[in-house]
Protein backbone atom coordinates (compact mmCIF):
# COMPACT_ATOMS: atom_id res chain seq x y z
CA MET A 1 14.13 73.25 87.00
CA PHE A 2 16.09 71.79 83.84
CA LYS A 3 18.69 69.40 84.81
CA PRO A 4 21.11 68.08 82.40
CA THR A 5 21.32 64.40 82.26
CA SER A 6 24.92 64.24 80.98
CA TYR A 7 27.85 66.20 82.28
CA LEU A 8 29.71 65.43 78.73
CA LEU A 9 28.89 66.39 75.29
CA PRO A 10 28.45 63.89 72.56
CA PHE A 11 31.78 62.28 71.60
CA HIS A 12 31.77 64.35 68.38
CA ASP A 13 31.38 67.36 70.49
CA GLN A 14 34.56 66.90 72.26
CA THR A 15 38.16 67.95 71.28
CA ASP A 16 41.40 66.40 72.80
CA PHE A 17 43.79 68.65 74.09
CA SER A 18 45.77 65.93 75.68
CA ILE A 19 47.20 64.71 72.44
CA PRO A 20 51.07 64.53 72.81
CA ASN A 21 53.37 66.96 70.87
CA LEU A 22 50.01 69.34 69.89
CA LYS A 23 51.72 72.09 68.50
CA PRO A 24 50.68 75.11 66.16
CA ALA A 25 51.35 74.09 62.67
CA SER A 26 51.47 70.47 62.91
CA PRO A 27 49.34 67.98 61.46
CA GLU A 28 47.76 67.24 65.14
CA TRP A 29 46.94 70.78 65.80
CA ASP A 30 45.23 71.49 62.25
CA SER A 31 43.27 68.29 62.97
CA VAL A 32 42.26 69.75 66.55
CA ARG A 33 41.64 73.22 65.05
CA ALA A 34 39.23 71.72 62.71
CA GLN A 35 37.17 69.69 65.08
CA VAL A 36 37.31 72.91 67.15
CA ARG A 37 35.69 74.84 64.00
CA THR A 38 33.42 72.31 62.99
CA ALA A 39 31.81 72.14 66.60
CA LEU A 40 31.29 75.56 66.77
CA GLU A 41 29.88 76.19 63.40
CA GLU A 42 27.58 73.17 64.22
CA TYR A 43 26.56 73.36 67.69
CA GLY A 44 27.80 76.77 69.12
CA CYS A 45 30.24 75.00 71.38
CA PHE A 46 32.54 72.42 72.18
CA GLU A 47 34.12 70.22 75.40
CA ALA A 48 37.79 70.73 75.64
CA LEU A 49 39.33 67.37 77.02
CA PHE A 50 42.96 67.83 78.57
CA ASN A 51 45.01 66.46 81.20
CA GLY A 52 44.04 67.94 84.75
CA ALA A 53 40.23 68.12 83.88
CA SER A 54 39.38 64.33 84.64
CA VAL A 55 35.48 63.60 84.35
CA GLU A 56 35.38 63.72 88.07
CA LEU A 57 36.47 67.38 88.06
CA ARG A 58 34.29 68.49 85.15
CA LYS A 59 31.17 66.64 86.71
CA ALA A 60 31.97 68.45 89.98
CA LEU A 61 32.38 71.89 88.49
CA PHE A 62 29.07 71.13 86.71
CA GLU A 63 27.46 70.13 90.40
CA ALA A 64 28.83 73.31 91.75
CA SER A 65 27.14 75.36 89.08
CA GLU A 66 23.75 73.53 89.83
CA GLU A 67 24.23 74.24 93.61
CA PHE A 68 24.66 78.01 92.37
CA PHE A 69 21.87 78.27 90.41
CA ASP A 70 19.42 76.59 92.74
CA LEU A 71 20.48 79.02 95.36
CA PRO A 72 17.31 81.76 96.42
CA LEU A 73 17.38 84.69 94.20
CA GLU A 74 18.42 86.73 97.05
CA THR A 75 21.58 84.63 97.69
CA LYS A 76 22.69 84.84 94.20
CA LEU A 77 22.09 88.81 94.02
CA ARG A 78 24.66 89.39 96.58
CA THR A 79 27.25 88.75 94.10
CA LYS A 80 26.01 91.08 91.30
CA SER A 81 28.21 93.49 90.10
CA ASP A 82 28.10 96.47 87.70
CA LYS A 83 30.98 95.08 85.88
CA LEU A 84 30.23 92.97 82.64
CA TYR A 85 30.36 89.26 83.00
CA LYS A 86 30.99 89.62 86.82
CA GLY A 87 28.74 88.02 89.60
CA TYR A 88 25.27 87.35 88.98
CA ALA A 89 23.42 88.24 86.04
CA GLY A 90 19.69 86.95 85.61
CA GLN A 91 16.25 88.16 85.91
CA ASN A 92 16.23 89.96 82.46
CA SER A 93 12.95 90.55 81.12
CA THR A 94 14.15 90.17 77.28
CA LEU A 95 16.12 86.77 78.67
CA PRO A 96 13.97 85.17 81.10
CA LEU A 97 15.49 81.72 80.94
CA TYR A 98 19.24 83.19 81.36
CA GLU A 99 21.32 83.14 84.10
CA ALA A 100 25.04 83.47 84.66
CA ILE A 101 27.64 83.68 87.24
CA GLY A 102 31.16 85.26 86.79
CA CYS A 103 34.15 85.29 88.50
CA ASP A 104 37.19 87.39 87.61
CA GLY A 105 40.53 85.31 89.33
CA ALA A 106 38.68 82.07 89.12
CA ASN A 107 42.59 81.06 89.82
CA ASN A 108 43.06 83.00 92.84
CA PRO A 109 41.95 81.19 96.28
CA GLN A 110 41.42 84.44 97.72
CA ILE A 111 38.78 85.83 95.20
CA VAL A 112 36.85 82.07 95.21
CA ASP A 113 36.68 82.31 98.87
CA GLU A 114 35.29 85.81 99.06
CA LEU A 115 32.60 84.70 95.97
CA THR A 116 32.11 81.60 98.21
CA TYR A 117 31.44 83.03 101.14
CA LYS A 118 29.00 85.71 99.55
CA LEU A 119 27.04 82.63 99.13
CA TRP A 120 27.46 80.41 101.60
CA PRO A 121 28.58 82.41 104.30
CA GLN A 122 29.41 78.83 106.71
CA GLY A 123 31.65 78.23 103.75
CA LYS A 124 31.84 75.52 100.99
CA ILE A 125 35.31 74.28 100.51
CA THR A 126 34.38 71.77 97.50
CA PHE A 127 32.85 74.47 95.56
CA SER A 128 35.78 76.70 95.80
CA LYS A 129 38.60 74.04 95.38
CA ASN A 130 36.66 72.78 92.44
CA VAL A 131 36.68 75.90 90.63
CA GLN A 132 40.01 77.07 91.70
CA SER A 133 41.30 73.56 90.35
CA PHE A 134 39.68 73.81 87.04
CA ALA A 135 40.78 77.15 86.48
CA GLU A 136 44.49 76.23 87.15
CA ASN A 137 44.32 73.38 84.87
CA LEU A 138 42.74 75.33 82.33
CA ILE A 139 45.39 78.08 82.78
CA ALA A 140 48.07 75.40 82.42
CA LEU A 141 46.50 74.27 78.84
CA ILE A 142 46.46 77.71 77.77
CA ARG A 143 49.99 78.25 78.42
CA ARG A 144 51.12 75.12 77.13
CA GLU A 145 49.49 75.76 73.75
CA GLY A 146 51.46 79.01 73.30
CA GLU A 147 48.98 81.71 74.65
CA ASP A 148 49.96 84.14 77.03
CA ASP A 149 47.75 84.61 80.15
CA ASP A 150 48.51 88.44 80.05
CA HIS A 151 47.07 89.33 83.41
CA GLY A 152 47.70 86.11 85.25
CA GLU A 153 43.90 86.06 86.28
CA PHE A 154 41.32 83.70 84.64
CA ARG A 155 37.43 84.50 84.31
CA SER A 156 35.10 82.04 84.82
CA ARG A 157 31.77 81.81 83.56
CA GLU A 158 28.79 79.74 84.07
CA ILE A 159 25.90 79.94 82.34
CA ARG A 160 22.46 78.14 82.67
CA ARG A 161 19.29 78.38 80.45
CA GLY A 162 15.82 77.31 81.74
CA ALA A 163 13.51 75.09 79.74
CA PRO A 164 10.94 77.13 78.07
């Protein structure tokens, strides 16, 4: 199984949203926006650094994702849904190395706990708490940056691509 050696992207792929007074139309905002665009154009992703998402929390979230993807297929299939981007997705002949898990309402403890108990019937409190904590902190960042969380619900999606 492919295991990442680092939970952090190279420094040039990281964007710091914890800069004081980061507001739209400010020079700081323009700089961060340019960093995000460059990272997306060059690498297809970026890592958002912000207060509330410590290295420890990000590492715990990646470890929780690994735990999920390492579960037996029949266990992961308990979360499968007909809704796009919700539940387990994988085992597709056109994308044989692709797996994903989606959770609508990742900031809602009840929804995350329901997902957790489908995967680990005995419970797994660290998984639930890490997903909820990250979602809550990300929503706080989104609200701080002036974006509206229109449904009060946050969708979390973790993706893994296997090595060829």
